[in-house]
Amino acid sequence: QVQLVESGGGLVQVGGSLRLSCIASGRTFGTYAMGWFRQAPGKEREFVAAIGRFGGITWHTDSVKGRFSISRDNAKNTLSLQMNSLKPEDTAVYYCAASATYRFPGGGRQPENWITAYWGKGTLVTVSS
């Protein structure tokens, strides 16, 4: 069992930055690929970024490329999402996710066969214009 707790959300102006963190309980953090999802009001949950078990491979959805950066520290059981140049359309609840079932096809393509085994409860990011 893995528990995920997000933090770092808040209210920020357009063009500002936030850094989200997700702390995982247990000793198995390094056995999971990790990801960030977000859900804006009235919209479906969106896959935003993912990172392999050892941090050597990452993926970001096109709308955040060049602005967001996912990283992890397995020694600290921590997943991070650095968000820069924030836009109003980034407003959403951001969720941390752990997956043991996935495949990174490379070439900047979205991870395949991703099944989230554990979800955090989310942290709200609001970007005001």
Foldseek 3Di string as FASTA:
>chain_A
DKAKAKDWADEAAAQAKIKMKIAIDDLCLLLWKKFKWWDDPPGDIGTAKIAHSVRPDIAGDPVQPPFKDWGDDSVRRMIMIIGGRDDQVVWTWMKMFTFNFWADPDPRDDIPRTDTPDIYPTDTHGYHD
